[in-house]
Amino acid sequence: MIKNLLFECIFLLAGCAGQKEDGLFQIFTIDALLSGVYDGSFSCGSLLKQGDLGIGTFNALDGEMLIMDGKVYQILADIAPLVLN
C-alpha cells in the first residue's frame, strides 16, 4: 500500500514511463523551499506516473524522498529508510 503523502520542493524524474524519450519533470525549485513553501502538492502515486527515478522531500519537510526503480523511499534522520508501498 503506497502512502498517499504529499510532495513538495525539488523533484526530478528521468526515464519517464510511457514516453519514447527520456524526460525531466520538476515541481518546485530550491527558491520555493528557501521561501518557506513546505506544503505539498503531489501524491506519491501522481509522481510515479511521471517516472521511476527522483529526489525531493515530503510534506512539511518530513524526511528526504528518493524514488528509485519505481519504489518510494522516505529517509528520516533517526531510522533506516522506509519503503512506502
C-alpha atoms as a PDB file:
ATOM      1  CA  MET A   1       0.000   0.000   0.000  1.00  0.00           C
ATOM      2  CA  ILE A   2       1.583   3.271  -1.103  1.00  0.00           C
ATOM      3  CA  LYS A   3       1.061   6.022   1.425  1.00  0.00           C
ATOM      4  CA  ASN A   4      -0.658   8.966  -0.138  1.00  0.00           C
ATOM      5  CA  LEU A   5       1.915  11.506   1.038  1.00  0.00           C
ATOM      6  CA  LEU A   6       2.118  14.915  -0.489  1.00  0.00           C
ATOM      7  CA  PHE A   7       5.325  16.034  -2.050  1.00  0.00           C
ATOM      8  CA  GLU A   8       6.979  19.401  -2.134  1.00  0.00           C
ATOM      9  CA  CYS A   9      10.217  21.098  -3.134  1.00  0.00           C
ATOM     10  CA  ILE A  10      12.502  19.810  -5.855  1.00  0.00           C
ATOM     11  CA  PHE A  11      11.609  16.650  -7.672  1.00  0.00           C
ATOM     12  CA  LEU A  12      13.312  15.495 -10.817  1.00  0.00           C
ATOM     13  CA  LEU A  13      12.347  12.439 -12.788  1.00  0.00           C
ATOM     14  CA  ALA A  14      14.189  10.794 -15.630  1.00  0.00           C
ATOM     15  CA  GLY A  15      13.341   7.788 -17.752  1.00  0.00           C
ATOM     16  CA  CYS A  16       9.644   8.553 -17.681  1.00  0.00           C
ATOM     17  CA  ALA A  17       7.422   5.535 -18.219  1.00  0.00           C
ATOM     18  CA  GLY A  18       5.250   5.588 -21.289  1.00  0.00           C
ATOM     19  CA  GLN A  19       7.352   8.153 -23.116  1.00  0.00           C
ATOM     20  CA  LYS A  20       9.525   7.442 -26.132  1.00  0.00           C
ATOM     21  CA  GLU A  21      12.261   9.780 -24.882  1.00  0.00           C
ATOM     22  CA  ASP A  22      13.821  10.378 -21.505  1.00  0.00           C
ATOM     23  CA  GLY A  23      12.482  13.486 -19.874  1.00  0.00           C
ATOM     24  CA  LEU A  24      12.669  15.729 -16.850  1.00  0.00           C
ATOM     25  CA  PHE A  25       9.782  16.610 -14.534  1.00  0.00           C
ATOM     26  CA  GLN A  26      10.181  19.351 -11.930  1.00  0.00           C
ATOM     27  CA  ILE A  27       7.577  20.545  -9.423  1.00  0.00           C
ATOM     28  CA  PHE A  28       9.317  23.219  -7.356  1.00  0.00           C
ATOM     29  CA  THR A  29      12.702  24.888  -7.356  1.00  0.00           C
ATOM     30  CA  ILE A  30      15.065  25.416  -4.436  1.00  0.00           C
ATOM     31  CA  ASP A  31      13.821  29.031  -4.355  1.00  0.00           C
ATOM     32  CA  ALA A  32      10.388  27.785  -3.272  1.00  0.00           C
ATOM     33  CA  LEU A  33      11.928  25.830  -0.401  1.00  0.00           C
ATOM     34  CA  LEU A  34      14.076  28.775   0.674  1.00  0.00           C
ATOM     35  CA  SER A  35      10.946  30.971   0.603  1.00  0.00           C
ATOM     36  CA  GLY A  36       9.192  28.658   3.053  1.00  0.00           C
ATOM     37  CA  VAL A  37       6.917  26.724   0.687  1.00  0.00           C
ATOM     38  CA  TYR A  38       6.597  23.485   2.683  1.00  0.00           C
ATOM     39  CA  ASP A  39       3.064  22.424   1.746  1.00  0.00           C
ATOM     40  CA  GLY A  40       2.839  19.510  -0.645  1.00  0.00           C
ATOM     41  CA  SER A  41       1.066  19.461  -3.959  1.00  0.00           C
ATOM     42  CA  PHE A  42       1.502  15.926  -5.373  1.00  0.00           C
ATOM     43  CA  SER A  43       0.811  12.445  -4.029  1.00  0.00           C
ATOM     44  CA  CYS A  44       3.385   9.680  -4.390  1.00  0.00           C
ATOM     45  CA  GLY A  45       1.078   7.951  -6.855  1.00  0.00           C
ATOM     46  CA  SER A  46       0.968  11.049  -9.054  1.00  0.00           C
ATOM     47  CA  LEU A  47       4.747  11.275  -9.032  1.00  0.00           C
ATOM     48  CA  LEU A  48       5.176   7.623 -10.013  1.00  0.00           C
ATOM     49  CA  LYS A  49       3.085   8.309 -13.126  1.00  0.00           C
ATOM     50  CA  GLN A  50       5.811  10.745 -14.208  1.00  0.00           C
ATOM     51  CA  GLY A  51       8.740   8.344 -13.907  1.00  0.00           C
ATOM     52  CA  ASP A  52      10.697   5.934 -11.756  1.00  0.00           C
ATOM     53  CA  LEU A  53      13.683   7.978 -10.526  1.00  0.00           C
ATOM     54  CA  GLY A  54      13.684  11.132  -8.425  1.00  0.00           C
ATOM     55  CA  ILE A  55      14.674  13.098  -5.347  1.00  0.00           C
ATOM     56  CA  GLY A  56      12.838  15.538  -3.117  1.00  0.00           C
ATOM     57  CA  THR A  57      11.171  15.900   0.255  1.00  0.00           C
ATOM     58  CA  PHE A  58       7.795  15.155   1.791  1.00  0.00           C
ATOM     59  CA  ASN A  59       5.058  17.472   3.006  1.00  0.00           C
ATOM     60  CA  ALA A  60       6.249  19.681   5.890  1.00  0.00           C
ATOM     61  CA  LEU A  61       9.843  18.519   5.249  1.00  0.00           C
ATOM     62  CA  ASP A  62       9.061  15.088   6.737  1.00  0.00           C
ATOM     63  CA  GLY A  63      12.245  13.381   5.537  1.00  0.00           C
ATOM     64  CA  GLU A  64      14.035  13.068   2.242  1.00  0.00           C
ATOM     65  CA  MET A  65      12.337  11.359  -0.703  1.00  0.00           C
ATOM     66  CA  LEU A  66      14.108   9.001  -3.049  1.00  0.00           C
ATOM     67  CA  ILE A  67      12.337   7.254  -5.893  1.00  0.00           C
ATOM     68  CA  MET A  68      14.405   4.520  -7.462  1.00  0.00           C
ATOM     69  CA  ASP A  69      13.192   1.776  -9.799  1.00  0.00           C
ATOM     70  CA  GLY A  70       9.606   2.860  -9.155  1.00  0.00           C
ATOM     71  CA  LYS A  71       9.794   2.469  -5.355  1.00  0.00           C
ATOM     72  CA  VAL A  72       9.319   5.409  -2.991  1.00  0.00           C
ATOM     73  CA  TYR A  73      11.701   5.652  -0.034  1.00  0.00           C
ATOM     74  CA  GLN A  74      11.325   8.000   2.933  1.00  0.00           C
ATOM     75  CA  ILE A  75      14.654   8.699   4.597  1.00  0.00           C
ATOM     76  CA  LEU A  76      14.470  10.078   8.134  1.00  0.00           C
ATOM     77  CA  ALA A  77      17.458  11.132  10.238  1.00  0.00           C
ATOM     78  CA  ASP A  78      16.881   8.665  13.072  1.00  0.00           C
ATOM     79  CA  ILE A  79      15.871   5.383  11.383  1.00  0.00           C
ATOM     80  CA  ALA A  80      16.615   3.248   8.334  1.00  0.00           C
ATOM     81  CA  PRO A  81      14.916   4.274   5.070  1.00  0.00           C
ATOM     82  CA  LEU A  82      11.273   3.255   4.801  1.00  0.00           C
ATOM     83  CA  VAL A  83       9.885   1.734   1.609  1.00  0.00           C
ATOM     84  CA  LEU A  84       6.423   3.180   1.040  1.00  0.00           C
ATOM     85  CA  ASN A  85       4.187   0.646  -0.695  1.00  0.00           C
END
